[in-house]
Amino acid sequence: MPAPTGPAAGARRHPIETVVYDFGNVLVRWDPYGAFTDHDRAAVDAWMAEIDFPTFNHAQDAGRTWGEARAALADRPHLVPLVDAYVTGFAGSLLGPVPGSAELVGELKQLGLRLYGLTNWSAELFHHAEVAAPAVGLMDDVVVSGRVGLAKPDPRIFAHLVATLDVDPARAVFVDDSPANVAAAADAGFHAVHFTGTDAFRAALRDLGVPVRAA
């Protein structure tokens, strides 16, 4: 079970009132290769390597538009067609809800907890999220990185969430599949949980005093 981290880890001085969800591979399964069903895997691998896909994608998450991304590749125009293919096929990269996630979100909603999203996601592609994982629609609000021009693990996006949604980190759980993002959330004062599966997250919530059912 992933142990919660953060300044108040293990303490129950402050009852949990808020759960902040990352989305990709926590609520909705994401595999970028799913956008390229009509392309040779080796060609996609070569494109991802040359474009440095994690860095390229992070720039989109941080607010760069796809038009700006294309313009940035003016000196490497051979990379643009697969950029366009990724955008066109993006819905195919979303493989449905993470097992058990919808049920857990429903339980948390019934318990009356505040539910928020804090997701690294291109503003222009975020409309696909709820279609692929309806539990996204149960969030009380969502901070989308591409809309605010900040992306995890930048500490400023956690400060933005705290300020705009009136979240007390000492009374909030943040869950994410990225260790870097979890560490940043812990530094911001959240009870931070590294997501390895819904059952393990249930156990972490119970350890923090949230009365969800046992897995």
N, C-alpha and C. Protein backbone atom coordinates (compact mmCIF):
# COMPACT_ATOMS: atom_id res chain seq x y z
N MET A 1 0.84 -1.19 0.00
CA MET A 1 0.00 0.00 0.00
C MET A 1 0.88 1.24 0.00
N PRO A 2 0.62 2.23 -0.89
CA PRO A 2 1.41 3.45 -0.89
C PRO A 2 1.08 4.29 0.33
N ALA A 3 2.06 4.57 1.17
CA ALA A 3 1.82 5.36 2.37
C ALA A 3 1.67 6.83 2.02
N PRO A 4 0.68 7.52 2.59
CA PRO A 4 0.56 8.95 2.37
C PRO A 4 1.81 9.66 2.88
N THR A 5 2.20 10.71 2.17
CA THR A 5 3.33 11.52 2.59
C THR A 5 2.85 12.94 2.82
N GLY A 6 3.72 13.75 3.42
CA GLY A 6 3.36 15.13 3.69
C GLY A 6 3.55 15.44 5.15
N PRO A 7 3.43 16.70 5.52
CA PRO A 7 3.72 17.11 6.89
C PRO A 7 2.85 16.44 7.93
N ALA A 8 1.60 16.09 7.54
CA ALA A 8 0.69 15.51 8.53
C ALA A 8 0.48 14.02 8.31
N ALA A 9 1.40 13.38 7.56
CA ALA A 9 1.24 11.95 7.27
C ALA A 9 1.14 11.17 8.57
N GLY A 10 0.12 10.32 8.64
CA GLY A 10 -0.08 9.49 9.81
C GLY A 10 -0.88 10.17 10.90
N ALA A 11 -1.06 11.48 10.84
CA ALA A 11 -1.82 12.19 11.86
C ALA A 11 -3.26 12.33 11.42
N ARG A 12 -4.16 12.42 12.40
CA ARG A 12 -5.56 12.61 12.09
C ARG A 12 -6.10 13.84 12.79
N ARG A 13 -5.20 14.79 13.05
CA ARG A 13 -5.59 16.02 13.72
C ARG A 13 -6.63 16.77 12.91
N HIS A 14 -6.47 16.75 11.59
CA HIS A 14 -7.37 17.47 10.70
C HIS A 14 -8.14 16.45 9.84
N PRO A 15 -9.43 16.30 10.04
CA PRO A 15 -10.19 15.36 9.21
C PRO A 15 -10.10 15.74 7.73
N ILE A 16 -10.03 14.74 6.89
CA ILE A 16 -9.97 14.97 5.45
C ILE A 16 -11.32 15.47 4.95
N GLU A 17 -11.30 16.58 4.21
CA GLU A 17 -12.54 17.12 3.65
C GLU A 17 -12.49 17.24 2.13
N THR A 18 -11.30 17.08 1.55
CA THR A 18 -11.12 17.29 0.11
C THR A 18 -10.23 16.19 -0.46
N VAL A 19 -10.59 15.70 -1.65
CA VAL A 19 -9.72 14.80 -2.40
C VAL A 19 -9.44 15.44 -3.76
N VAL A 20 -8.16 15.55 -4.09
CA VAL A 20 -7.74 16.16 -5.34
C VAL A 20 -7.14 15.08 -6.22
N TYR A 21 -7.75 14.87 -7.37
CA TYR A 21 -7.38 13.80 -8.28
C TYR A 21 -6.55 14.29 -9.46
N ASP A 22 -5.45 13.62 -9.72
CA ASP A 22 -4.87 13.60 -11.07
C ASP A 22 -5.80 12.75 -11.92
N PHE A 23 -5.79 12.93 -13.23
CA PHE A 23 -6.70 12.17 -14.09
C PHE A 23 -6.00 11.05 -14.87
N GLY A 24 -4.94 11.38 -15.62
CA GLY A 24 -4.32 10.38 -16.49
C GLY A 24 -3.74 9.22 -15.71
N ASN A 25 -4.24 8.02 -15.98
CA ASN A 25 -3.84 6.77 -15.34
C ASN A 25 -4.14 6.74 -13.84
N VAL A 26 -5.08 7.61 -13.42
CA VAL A 26 -5.65 7.55 -12.08
C VAL A 26 -7.16 7.42 -12.19
N LEU A 27 -7.78 8.26 -13.03
CA LEU A 27 -9.20 8.10 -13.35
C LEU A 27 -9.42 7.54 -14.75
N VAL A 28 -8.57 7.93 -15.69
CA VAL A 28 -8.73 7.48 -17.07
C VAL A 28 -7.42 6.90 -17.57
N ARG A 29 -7.49 5.74 -18.18
CA ARG A 29 -6.28 5.10 -18.71
C ARG A 29 -5.84 5.85 -19.97
N TRP A 30 -4.53 6.15 -20.02
CA TRP A 30 -3.98 6.90 -21.16
C TRP A 30 -2.75 6.19 -21.68
N ASP A 31 -2.75 5.98 -22.99
CA ASP A 31 -1.59 5.41 -23.68
C ASP A 31 -1.45 6.17 -25.00
N PRO A 32 -0.42 7.02 -25.14
CA PRO A 32 -0.33 7.85 -26.35
C PRO A 32 -0.29 7.04 -27.63
N TYR A 33 0.18 5.81 -27.57
CA TYR A 33 0.22 5.00 -28.79
C TYR A 33 -1.18 4.72 -29.33
N GLY A 34 -2.18 4.82 -28.48
CA GLY A 34 -3.55 4.59 -28.94
C GLY A 34 -4.04 5.59 -29.96
N ALA A 35 -3.34 6.72 -30.08
CA ALA A 35 -3.71 7.73 -31.07
C ALA A 35 -3.21 7.39 -32.47
N PHE A 36 -2.36 6.36 -32.56
CA PHE A 36 -1.67 6.07 -33.83
C PHE A 36 -2.02 4.69 -34.37
N THR A 37 -3.27 4.32 -34.31
CA THR A 37 -3.65 2.97 -34.72
C THR A 37 -3.37 2.70 -36.20
N ASP A 38 -3.30 3.75 -37.01
CA ASP A 38 -3.07 3.57 -38.45
C ASP A 38 -1.60 3.77 -38.84
N HIS A 39 -0.71 3.77 -37.85
CA HIS A 39 0.70 4.02 -38.12
C HIS A 39 1.56 2.87 -37.62
N ASP A 40 2.66 2.67 -38.29
CA ASP A 40 3.62 1.64 -37.89
C ASP A 40 4.24 1.99 -36.54
N ARG A 41 4.30 1.01 -35.64
CA ARG A 41 4.81 1.27 -34.28
C ARG A 41 6.25 1.76 -34.32
N ALA A 42 7.07 1.20 -35.18
CA ALA A 42 8.47 1.63 -35.25
C ALA A 42 8.58 3.08 -35.68
N ALA A 43 7.72 3.49 -36.61
CA ALA A 43 7.73 4.89 -37.06
C ALA A 43 7.30 5.82 -35.93
N VAL A 44 6.32 5.39 -35.15
CA VAL A 44 5.87 6.21 -34.01
C VAL A 44 6.96 6.28 -32.95
N ASP A 45 7.64 5.14 -32.71
CA ASP A 45 8.75 5.15 -31.75
C ASP A 45 9.83 6.14 -32.18
N ALA A 46 10.16 6.13 -33.47
CA ALA A 46 11.20 7.03 -33.97
C ALA A 46 10.77 8.48 -33.82
N TRP A 47 9.50 8.76 -34.12
CA TRP A 47 8.97 10.12 -33.97
C TRP A 47 9.02 10.57 -32.51
N MET A 48 8.58 9.68 -31.60
CA MET A 48 8.58 10.03 -30.18
C MET A 48 9.99 10.32 -29.68
N ALA A 49 10.95 9.55 -30.16
CA ALA A 49 12.33 9.75 -29.74
C ALA A 49 12.87 11.08 -30.26
N GLU A 50 12.61 11.36 -31.54
CA GLU A 50 13.17 12.58 -32.13
C GLU A 50 12.51 13.83 -31.56
N ILE A 51 11.22 13.76 -31.31
CA ILE A 51 10.51 14.94 -30.82
C ILE A 51 10.67 15.10 -29.31
N ASP A 52 11.22 14.05 -28.65
CA ASP A 52 11.29 13.99 -27.18
C ASP A 52 9.88 14.16 -26.63
N PHE A 53 9.08 13.13 -26.84
CA PHE A 53 7.64 13.24 -26.57
C PHE A 53 7.31 13.69 -25.15
N PRO A 54 7.95 13.17 -24.09
CA PRO A 54 7.60 13.65 -22.75
C PRO A 54 7.78 15.16 -22.60
N THR A 55 8.89 15.70 -23.12
CA THR A 55 9.13 17.14 -23.03
C THR A 55 8.16 17.91 -23.91
N PHE A 56 7.95 17.41 -25.12
CA PHE A 56 7.01 18.04 -26.04
C PHE A 56 5.61 18.08 -25.44
N ASN A 57 5.16 16.96 -24.90
CA ASN A 57 3.82 16.88 -24.35
C ASN A 57 3.67 17.76 -23.11
N HIS A 58 4.74 17.85 -22.31
CA HIS A 58 4.67 18.70 -21.12
C HIS A 58 4.45 20.16 -21.51
N ALA A 59 5.06 20.58 -22.62
CA ALA A 59 4.85 21.95 -23.08
C ALA A 59 3.38 22.18 -23.45
N GLN A 60 2.75 21.16 -24.05
CA GLN A 60 1.32 21.28 -24.36
C GLN A 60 0.51 21.36 -23.07
N ASP A 61 0.88 20.51 -22.10
CA ASP A 61 0.19 20.54 -20.81
C ASP A 61 0.33 21.89 -20.12
N ALA A 62 1.46 22.55 -20.34
CA ALA A 62 1.74 23.82 -19.68
C ALA A 62 1.15 25.02 -20.41
N GLY A 63 0.38 24.78 -21.46
CA GLY A 63 -0.36 25.86 -22.08
C GLY A 63 -0.02 26.18 -23.51
N ARG A 64 1.02 25.54 -24.08
CA ARG A 64 1.33 25.80 -25.48
C ARG A 64 0.20 25.27 -26.35
N THR A 65 -0.22 26.02 -27.34
CA THR A 65 -1.27 25.55 -28.24
C THR A 65 -0.67 24.60 -29.28
N TRP A 66 -1.54 23.85 -29.93
CA TRP A 66 -1.04 22.94 -30.96
C TRP A 66 -0.56 23.72 -32.18
N GLY A 67 -1.16 24.88 -32.45
CA GLY A 67 -0.66 25.73 -33.52
C GLY A 67 0.75 26.22 -33.22
N GLU A 68 1.00 26.58 -31.97
CA GLU A 68 2.34 27.00 -31.57
C GLU A 68 3.32 25.84 -31.63
N ALA A 69 2.85 24.65 -31.31
CA ALA A 69 3.72 23.48 -31.38
C ALA A 69 4.15 23.22 -32.82
N ARG A 70 3.22 23.34 -33.75
CA ARG A 70 3.56 23.14 -35.16
C ARG A 70 4.56 24.19 -35.62
N ALA A 71 4.33 25.44 -35.20
CA ALA A 71 5.24 26.52 -35.61
C ALA A 71 6.64 26.29 -35.06
N ALA A 72 6.73 25.70 -33.87
CA ALA A 72 8.04 25.44 -33.26
C ALA A 72 8.82 24.38 -34.02
N LEU A 73 8.13 23.63 -34.87
CA LEU A 73 8.78 22.57 -35.65
C LEU A 73 9.06 23.00 -37.09
N ALA A 74 9.09 24.30 -37.32
CA ALA A 74 9.28 24.80 -38.68
C ALA A 74 10.59 24.30 -39.29
N ASP A 75 11.60 24.07 -38.44
CA ASP A 75 12.88 23.60 -38.96
C ASP A 75 12.93 22.08 -39.09
N ARG A 76 11.88 21.40 -38.62
CA ARG A 76 11.79 19.94 -38.73
C ARG A 76 10.39 19.55 -39.19
N PRO A 77 10.00 19.98 -40.39
CA PRO A 77 8.62 19.79 -40.84
C PRO A 77 8.21 18.32 -40.96
N HIS A 78 9.19 17.41 -41.04
CA HIS A 78 8.85 15.99 -41.16
C HIS A 78 8.19 15.46 -39.89
N LEU A 79 8.30 16.21 -38.78
CA LEU A 79 7.69 15.77 -37.52
C LEU A 79 6.23 16.19 -37.40
N VAL A 80 5.80 17.13 -38.20
CA VAL A 80 4.46 17.70 -38.05
C VAL A 80 3.33 16.72 -38.36
N PRO A 81 3.43 15.88 -39.41
CA PRO A 81 2.31 14.98 -39.69
C PRO A 81 1.91 14.09 -38.51
N LEU A 82 2.87 13.60 -37.75
CA LEU A 82 2.50 12.76 -36.62
C LEU A 82 2.00 13.59 -35.44
N VAL A 83 2.40 14.85 -35.35
CA VAL A 83 1.77 15.75 -34.37
C VAL A 83 0.28 15.85 -34.69
N ASP A 84 -0.03 16.10 -35.96
CA ASP A 84 -1.43 16.21 -36.37
C ASP A 84 -2.18 14.89 -36.16
N ALA A 85 -1.49 13.78 -36.41
CA ALA A 85 -2.13 12.47 -36.21
C ALA A 85 -2.44 12.25 -34.73
N TYR A 86 -1.54 12.71 -33.86
CA TYR A 86 -1.79 12.55 -32.42
C TYR A 86 -3.02 13.35 -32.00
N VAL A 87 -3.11 14.58 -32.47
CA VAL A 87 -4.26 15.42 -32.11
C VAL A 87 -5.55 14.82 -32.65
N THR A 88 -5.52 14.42 -33.91
CA THR A 88 -6.71 13.86 -34.54
C THR A 88 -7.15 12.56 -33.86
N GLY A 89 -6.16 11.75 -33.49
CA GLY A 89 -6.47 10.45 -32.91
C GLY A 89 -6.47 10.42 -31.40
N PHE A 90 -6.42 11.60 -30.76
CA PHE A 90 -6.23 11.64 -29.31
C PHE A 90 -7.26 10.83 -28.54
N ALA A 91 -8.51 10.85 -28.98
CA ALA A 91 -9.54 10.09 -28.26
C ALA A 91 -9.17 8.63 -28.14
N GLY A 92 -8.44 8.11 -29.11
CA GLY A 92 -8.02 6.71 -29.07
C GLY A 92 -6.97 6.42 -28.03
N SER A 93 -6.31 7.47 -27.52
CA SER A 93 -5.29 7.28 -26.48
C SER A 93 -5.92 7.11 -25.10
N LEU A 94 -7.21 7.41 -24.99
CA LEU A 94 -7.93 7.30 -23.73
C LEU A 94 -8.69 5.97 -23.73
N LEU A 95 -8.27 5.07 -22.86
CA LEU A 95 -8.70 3.67 -22.94
C LEU A 95 -9.78 3.32 -21.94
N GLY A 96 -10.47 4.32 -21.43
CA GLY A 96 -11.56 4.09 -20.51
C GLY A 96 -11.15 4.28 -19.06
N PRO A 97 -12.10 4.12 -18.15
CA PRO A 97 -11.81 4.38 -16.74
C PRO A 97 -10.78 3.42 -16.16
N VAL A 98 -9.97 3.91 -15.25
CA VAL A 98 -9.09 3.05 -14.47
C VAL A 98 -9.99 2.14 -13.63
N PRO A 99 -9.72 0.84 -13.58
CA PRO A 99 -10.60 -0.09 -12.85
C PRO A 99 -10.86 0.37 -11.41
N GLY A 100 -12.14 0.38 -11.06
CA GLY A 100 -12.56 0.72 -9.71
C GLY A 100 -12.65 2.20 -9.41
N SER A 101 -12.15 3.05 -10.32
CA SER A 101 -12.08 4.48 -10.02
C SER A 101 -13.45 5.12 -9.93
N ALA A 102 -14.36 4.76 -10.83
CA ALA A 102 -15.68 5.38 -10.82
C ALA A 102 -16.43 5.07 -9.53
N GLU A 103 -16.31 3.82 -9.07
CA GLU A 103 -16.99 3.44 -7.84
C GLU A 103 -16.44 4.21 -6.64
N LEU A 104 -15.13 4.37 -6.60
CA LEU A 104 -14.53 5.09 -5.48
C LEU A 104 -14.93 6.57 -5.50
N VAL A 105 -14.90 7.19 -6.66
CA VAL A 105 -15.32 8.59 -6.75
C VAL A 105 -16.77 8.72 -6.30
N GLY A 106 -17.62 7.78 -6.69
CA GLY A 106 -19.01 7.82 -6.26
C GLY A 106 -19.15 7.73 -4.75
N GLU A 107 -18.36 6.87 -4.12
CA GLU A 107 -18.39 6.76 -2.66
C GLU A 107 -17.96 8.06 -2.00
N LEU A 108 -16.88 8.63 -2.49
CA LEU A 108 -16.38 9.88 -1.91
C LEU A 108 -17.41 10.99 -2.06
N LYS A 109 -18.11 10.99 -3.18
CA LYS A 109 -19.16 11.99 -3.41
C LYS A 109 -20.29 11.80 -2.39
N GLN A 110 -20.68 10.55 -2.17
CA GLN A 110 -21.75 10.26 -1.22
C GLN A 110 -21.35 10.62 0.21
N LEU A 111 -20.08 10.55 0.51
CA LEU A 111 -19.59 10.91 1.84
C LEU A 111 -19.57 12.43 2.05
N GLY A 112 -19.79 13.18 0.98
CA GLY A 112 -19.83 14.63 1.08
C GLY A 112 -18.49 15.31 1.00
N LEU A 113 -17.45 14.59 0.56
CA LEU A 113 -16.15 15.23 0.40
C LEU A 113 -16.15 16.14 -0.82
N ARG A 114 -15.35 17.18 -0.74
CA ARG A 114 -15.12 18.03 -1.91
C ARG A 114 -14.18 17.28 -2.85
N LEU A 115 -14.51 17.24 -4.13
CA LEU A 115 -13.72 16.50 -5.12
C LEU A 115 -13.25 17.47 -6.20
N TYR A 116 -11.94 17.52 -6.37
CA TYR A 116 -11.36 18.40 -7.38
C TYR A 116 -10.39 17.62 -8.26
N GLY A 117 -10.22 18.11 -9.48
CA GLY A 117 -9.20 17.57 -10.36
C GLY A 117 -8.05 18.56 -10.48
N LEU A 118 -6.85 18.03 -10.57
CA LEU A 118 -5.66 18.83 -10.87
C LEU A 118 -4.88 18.03 -11.90
N THR A 119 -5.10 18.34 -13.16
CA THR A 119 -4.61 17.47 -14.22
C THR A 119 -3.70 18.20 -15.19
N ASN A 120 -2.62 17.54 -15.58
CA ASN A 120 -1.79 18.01 -16.68
C ASN A 120 -2.45 17.56 -17.98
N TRP A 121 -2.99 18.51 -18.73
CA TRP A 121 -3.77 18.15 -19.92
C TRP A 121 -3.81 19.36 -20.84
N SER A 122 -3.65 19.14 -22.12
CA SER A 122 -3.79 20.20 -23.11
C SER A 122 -5.20 20.79 -23.05
N ALA A 123 -5.29 22.11 -22.99
CA ALA A 123 -6.60 22.76 -22.93
C ALA A 123 -7.46 22.39 -24.13
N GLU A 124 -6.83 22.24 -25.30
CA GLU A 124 -7.58 21.98 -26.52
C GLU A 124 -8.09 20.55 -26.62
N LEU A 125 -7.57 19.66 -25.78
CA LEU A 125 -7.97 18.26 -25.85
C LEU A 125 -8.72 17.79 -24.60
N PHE A 126 -8.92 18.69 -23.64
CA PHE A 126 -9.52 18.26 -22.38
C PHE A 126 -10.97 17.80 -22.53
N HIS A 127 -11.65 18.25 -23.56
CA HIS A 127 -13.05 17.86 -23.73
C HIS A 127 -13.23 16.36 -23.90
N HIS A 128 -12.16 15.64 -24.22
CA HIS A 128 -12.25 14.19 -24.37
C HIS A 128 -12.29 13.46 -23.02
N ALA A 129 -11.89 14.12 -21.95
CA ALA A 129 -11.68 13.43 -20.68
C ALA A 129 -12.95 12.80 -20.12
N GLU A 130 -14.02 13.57 -20.01
CA GLU A 130 -15.24 13.05 -19.40
C GLU A 130 -15.90 11.99 -20.26
N VAL A 131 -15.73 12.09 -21.57
CA VAL A 131 -16.29 11.07 -22.47
C VAL A 131 -15.66 9.71 -22.16
N ALA A 132 -14.35 9.72 -21.92
CA ALA A 132 -13.63 8.47 -21.67
C ALA A 132 -13.81 7.97 -20.24
N ALA A 133 -14.00 8.88 -19.29
CA ALA A 133 -14.15 8.51 -17.87
C ALA A 133 -15.20 9.42 -17.25
N PRO A 134 -16.46 9.00 -17.23
CA PRO A 134 -17.54 9.86 -16.74
C PRO A 134 -17.35 10.37 -15.32
N ALA A 135 -16.53 9.68 -14.51
CA ALA A 135 -16.30 10.16 -13.15
C ALA A 135 -15.67 11.54 -13.13
N VAL A 136 -15.02 11.93 -14.22
CA VAL A 136 -14.48 13.28 -14.32
C VAL A 136 -15.59 14.31 -14.10
N GLY A 137 -16.79 13.99 -14.57
CA GLY A 137 -17.91 14.91 -14.43
C GLY A 137 -18.44 15.04 -13.02
N LEU A 138 -17.99 14.18 -12.11
CA LEU A 138 -18.40 14.26 -10.71
C LEU A 138 -17.52 15.21 -9.89
N MET A 139 -16.46 15.70 -10.50
CA MET A 139 -15.61 16.65 -9.79
C MET A 139 -16.37 17.96 -9.56
N ASP A 140 -16.14 18.58 -8.42
CA ASP A 140 -16.75 19.88 -8.15
C ASP A 140 -16.12 20.98 -8.99
N ASP A 141 -14.87 20.80 -9.33
CA ASP A 141 -14.17 21.73 -10.21
C ASP A 141 -12.87 21.06 -10.64
N VAL A 142 -12.27 21.56 -11.71
CA VAL A 142 -11.03 20.99 -12.23
C VAL A 142 -10.07 22.11 -12.61
N VAL A 143 -8.83 22.01 -12.14
CA VAL A 143 -7.77 22.88 -12.62
C VAL A 143 -7.05 22.12 -13.74
N VAL A 144 -7.17 22.63 -14.95
CA VAL A 144 -6.54 22.02 -16.13
C VAL A 144 -5.28 22.81 -16.43
N SER A 145 -4.16 22.14 -16.42
CA SER A 145 -2.88 22.82 -16.57
C SER A 145 -2.81 23.69 -17.81
N GLY A 146 -3.30 23.15 -18.93
CA GLY A 146 -3.22 23.89 -20.18
C GLY A 146 -4.02 25.18 -20.18
N ARG A 147 -5.04 25.24 -19.31
CA ARG A 147 -5.85 26.46 -19.23
C ARG A 147 -5.18 27.53 -18.37
N VAL A 148 -4.43 27.10 -17.36
CA VAL A 148 -3.82 28.08 -16.45
C VAL A 148 -2.36 28.37 -16.78
N GLY A 149 -1.80 27.62 -17.74
CA GLY A 149 -0.43 27.87 -18.16
C GLY A 149 0.63 27.42 -17.17
N LEU A 150 0.26 26.46 -16.33
CA LEU A 150 1.19 25.88 -15.35
C LEU A 150 0.95 24.39 -15.34
N ALA A 151 2.01 23.61 -15.16
CA ALA A 151 1.87 22.15 -15.15
C ALA A 151 2.63 21.56 -13.97
N LYS A 152 2.05 20.53 -13.38
CA LYS A 152 2.74 19.78 -12.32
C LYS A 152 4.07 19.25 -12.86
N PRO A 153 5.10 19.21 -12.07
CA PRO A 153 5.16 19.45 -10.62
C PRO A 153 5.47 20.88 -10.21
N ASP A 154 5.26 21.86 -11.06
CA ASP A 154 5.50 23.25 -10.71
C ASP A 154 4.71 23.59 -9.44
N PRO A 155 5.35 24.03 -8.39
CA PRO A 155 4.62 24.33 -7.15
C PRO A 155 3.57 25.41 -7.31
N ARG A 156 3.71 26.23 -8.34
CA ARG A 156 2.75 27.32 -8.53
C ARG A 156 1.36 26.81 -8.88
N ILE A 157 1.26 25.62 -9.50
CA ILE A 157 -0.07 25.12 -9.84
C ILE A 157 -0.79 24.62 -8.59
N PHE A 158 -0.03 24.13 -7.62
CA PHE A 158 -0.64 23.73 -6.35
C PHE A 158 -1.11 24.98 -5.59
N ALA A 159 -0.30 26.03 -5.62
CA ALA A 159 -0.69 27.28 -4.98
C ALA A 159 -1.93 27.87 -5.65
N HIS A 160 -2.01 27.73 -6.98
CA HIS A 160 -3.18 28.21 -7.71
C HIS A 160 -4.44 27.46 -7.27
N LEU A 161 -4.35 26.14 -7.17
CA LEU A 161 -5.50 25.35 -6.74
C LEU A 161 -5.94 25.75 -5.34
N VAL A 162 -4.98 25.87 -4.43
CA VAL A 162 -5.28 26.24 -3.04
C VAL A 162 -6.01 27.58 -2.99
N ALA A 163 -5.51 28.55 -3.75
CA ALA A 163 -6.07 29.90 -3.69
C ALA A 163 -7.42 30.00 -4.38
N THR A 164 -7.55 29.39 -5.55
CA THR A 164 -8.77 29.59 -6.33
C THR A 164 -9.92 28.71 -5.86
N LEU A 165 -9.61 27.54 -5.28
CA LEU A 165 -10.67 26.64 -4.84
C LEU A 165 -10.79 26.57 -3.32
N ASP A 166 -10.05 27.41 -2.64
CA ASP A 166 -10.12 27.50 -1.18
C ASP A 166 -9.91 26.12 -0.53
N VAL A 167 -8.79 25.50 -0.88
CA VAL A 167 -8.44 24.18 -0.36
C VAL A 167 -7.43 24.33 0.77
N ASP A 168 -7.70 23.65 1.87
CA ASP A 168 -6.73 23.57 2.96
C ASP A 168 -5.92 22.30 2.77
N PRO A 169 -4.64 22.40 2.39
CA PRO A 169 -3.86 21.18 2.12
C PRO A 169 -3.81 20.23 3.31
N ALA A 170 -3.85 20.74 4.52
CA ALA A 170 -3.78 19.87 5.69
C ALA A 170 -5.02 19.00 5.83
N ARG A 171 -6.10 19.38 5.13
CA ARG A 171 -7.35 18.62 5.16
C ARG A 171 -7.65 18.00 3.80
N ALA A 172 -6.63 17.89 2.97
CA ALA A 172 -6.83 17.42 1.60
C ALA A 172 -5.87 16.29 1.25
N VAL A 173 -6.38 15.34 0.48
CA VAL A 173 -5.58 14.26 -0.09
C VAL A 173 -5.36 14.56 -1.56
N PHE A 174 -4.12 14.45 -2.01
CA PHE A 174 -3.80 14.57 -3.44
C PHE A 174 -3.27 13.22 -3.90
N VAL A 175 -3.78 12.75 -5.05
CA VAL A 175 -3.35 11.45 -5.57
C VAL A 175 -2.91 11.60 -7.02
N ASP A 176 -1.78 10.96 -7.36
CA ASP A 176 -1.19 11.10 -8.70
C ASP A 176 -0.32 9.87 -8.95
N ASP A 177 -0.17 9.49 -10.21
CA ASP A 177 0.69 8.34 -10.53
C ASP A 177 2.14 8.74 -10.73
N SER A 178 2.45 10.04 -10.72
CA SER A 178 3.81 10.52 -10.91
C SER A 178 4.47 10.81 -9.57
N PRO A 179 5.57 10.12 -9.25
CA PRO A 179 6.26 10.41 -7.98
C PRO A 179 6.69 11.86 -7.85
N ALA A 180 7.10 12.50 -8.95
CA ALA A 180 7.51 13.90 -8.88
C ALA A 180 6.35 14.80 -8.48
N ASN A 181 5.17 14.51 -9.02
CA ASN A 181 4.00 15.31 -8.67
C ASN A 181 3.57 15.07 -7.23
N VAL A 182 3.70 13.82 -6.78
CA VAL A 182 3.36 13.49 -5.39
C VAL A 182 4.29 14.23 -4.44
N ALA A 183 5.57 14.24 -4.77
CA ALA A 183 6.54 14.94 -3.92
C ALA A 183 6.24 16.44 -3.86
N ALA A 184 5.85 17.02 -5.00
CA ALA A 184 5.53 18.45 -5.03
C ALA A 184 4.30 18.74 -4.19
N ALA A 185 3.31 17.85 -4.25
CA ALA A 185 2.10 18.04 -3.44
C ALA A 185 2.41 17.94 -1.96
N ALA A 186 3.27 17.00 -1.59
CA ALA A 186 3.66 16.86 -0.18
C ALA A 186 4.37 18.13 0.29
N ASP A 187 5.24 18.67 -0.57
CA ASP A 187 5.94 19.91 -0.23
C ASP A 187 4.95 21.06 -0.04
N ALA A 188 3.81 20.99 -0.76
CA ALA A 188 2.79 22.04 -0.64
C ALA A 188 1.87 21.82 0.56
N GLY A 189 2.10 20.74 1.31
CA GLY A 189 1.34 20.51 2.53
C GLY A 189 0.20 19.53 2.43
N PHE A 190 0.02 18.91 1.26
CA PHE A 190 -1.06 17.94 1.08
C PHE A 190 -0.68 16.58 1.68
N HIS A 191 -1.68 15.81 2.05
CA HIS A 191 -1.49 14.37 2.25
C HIS A 191 -1.38 13.80 0.83
N ALA A 192 -0.20 13.39 0.43
CA ALA A 192 0.05 13.03 -0.97
C ALA A 192 0.22 11.52 -1.10
N VAL A 193 -0.51 10.94 -2.06
CA VAL A 193 -0.51 9.50 -2.25
C VAL A 193 -0.06 9.17 -3.67
N HIS A 194 0.93 8.29 -3.78
CA HIS A 194 1.35 7.80 -5.09
C HIS A 194 0.38 6.71 -5.53
N PHE A 195 -0.30 6.94 -6.65
CA PHE A 195 -1.32 6.01 -7.13
C PHE A 195 -0.68 4.81 -7.81
N THR A 196 -0.98 3.62 -7.30
CA THR A 196 -0.54 2.37 -7.92
C THR A 196 -1.72 1.48 -8.28
N GLY A 197 -2.92 1.89 -7.91
CA GLY A 197 -4.14 1.14 -8.18
C GLY A 197 -5.23 1.62 -7.24
N THR A 198 -6.48 1.41 -7.66
CA THR A 198 -7.60 1.93 -6.87
C THR A 198 -7.69 1.26 -5.51
N ASP A 199 -7.43 -0.03 -5.45
CA ASP A 199 -7.52 -0.72 -4.15
C ASP A 199 -6.50 -0.15 -3.16
N ALA A 200 -5.28 0.09 -3.62
CA ALA A 200 -4.26 0.66 -2.75
C ALA A 200 -4.63 2.08 -2.33
N PHE A 201 -5.26 2.82 -3.24
CA PHE A 201 -5.68 4.18 -2.88
C PHE A 201 -6.79 4.13 -1.83
N ARG A 202 -7.69 3.17 -1.95
CA ARG A 202 -8.73 2.99 -0.92
C ARG A 202 -8.07 2.78 0.44
N ALA A 203 -7.07 1.93 0.48
CA ALA A 203 -6.41 1.62 1.74
C ALA A 203 -5.73 2.87 2.31
N ALA A 204 -5.12 3.67 1.44
CA ALA A 204 -4.48 4.91 1.89
C ALA A 204 -5.51 5.88 2.45
N LEU A 205 -6.67 5.98 1.79
CA LEU A 205 -7.73 6.85 2.29
C LEU A 205 -8.22 6.39 3.66
N ARG A 206 -8.40 5.09 3.80
CA ARG A 206 -8.85 4.56 5.09
C ARG A 206 -7.82 4.85 6.18
N ASP A 207 -6.55 4.76 5.82
CA ASP A 207 -5.49 5.05 6.79
C ASP A 207 -5.54 6.51 7.23
N LEU A 208 -6.06 7.36 6.37
CA LEU A 208 -6.20 8.77 6.71
C LEU A 208 -7.53 9.10 7.37
N GLY A 209 -8.33 8.06 7.63
CA GLY A 209 -9.60 8.28 8.34
C GLY A 209 -10.80 8.50 7.47
N VAL A 210 -10.65 8.34 6.14
CA VAL A 210 -11.80 8.49 5.24
C VAL A 210 -12.55 7.15 5.20
N PRO A 211 -13.83 7.12 5.56
CA PRO A 211 -14.55 5.86 5.73
C PRO A 211 -15.07 5.23 4.44
N VAL A 212 -14.18 5.04 3.46
CA VAL A 212 -14.57 4.28 2.27
C VAL A 212 -14.51 2.80 2.62
N ARG A 213 -15.22 1.98 1.85
CA ARG A 213 -15.22 0.56 2.14
C ARG A 213 -13.85 -0.04 1.84
N ALA A 214 -13.54 -1.13 2.51
CA ALA A 214 -12.28 -1.82 2.25
C ALA A 214 -12.33 -2.49 0.90
N ALA A 215 -11.16 -2.61 0.28
CA ALA A 215 -11.09 -3.26 -1.04
C ALA A 215 -11.42 -4.74 -0.92
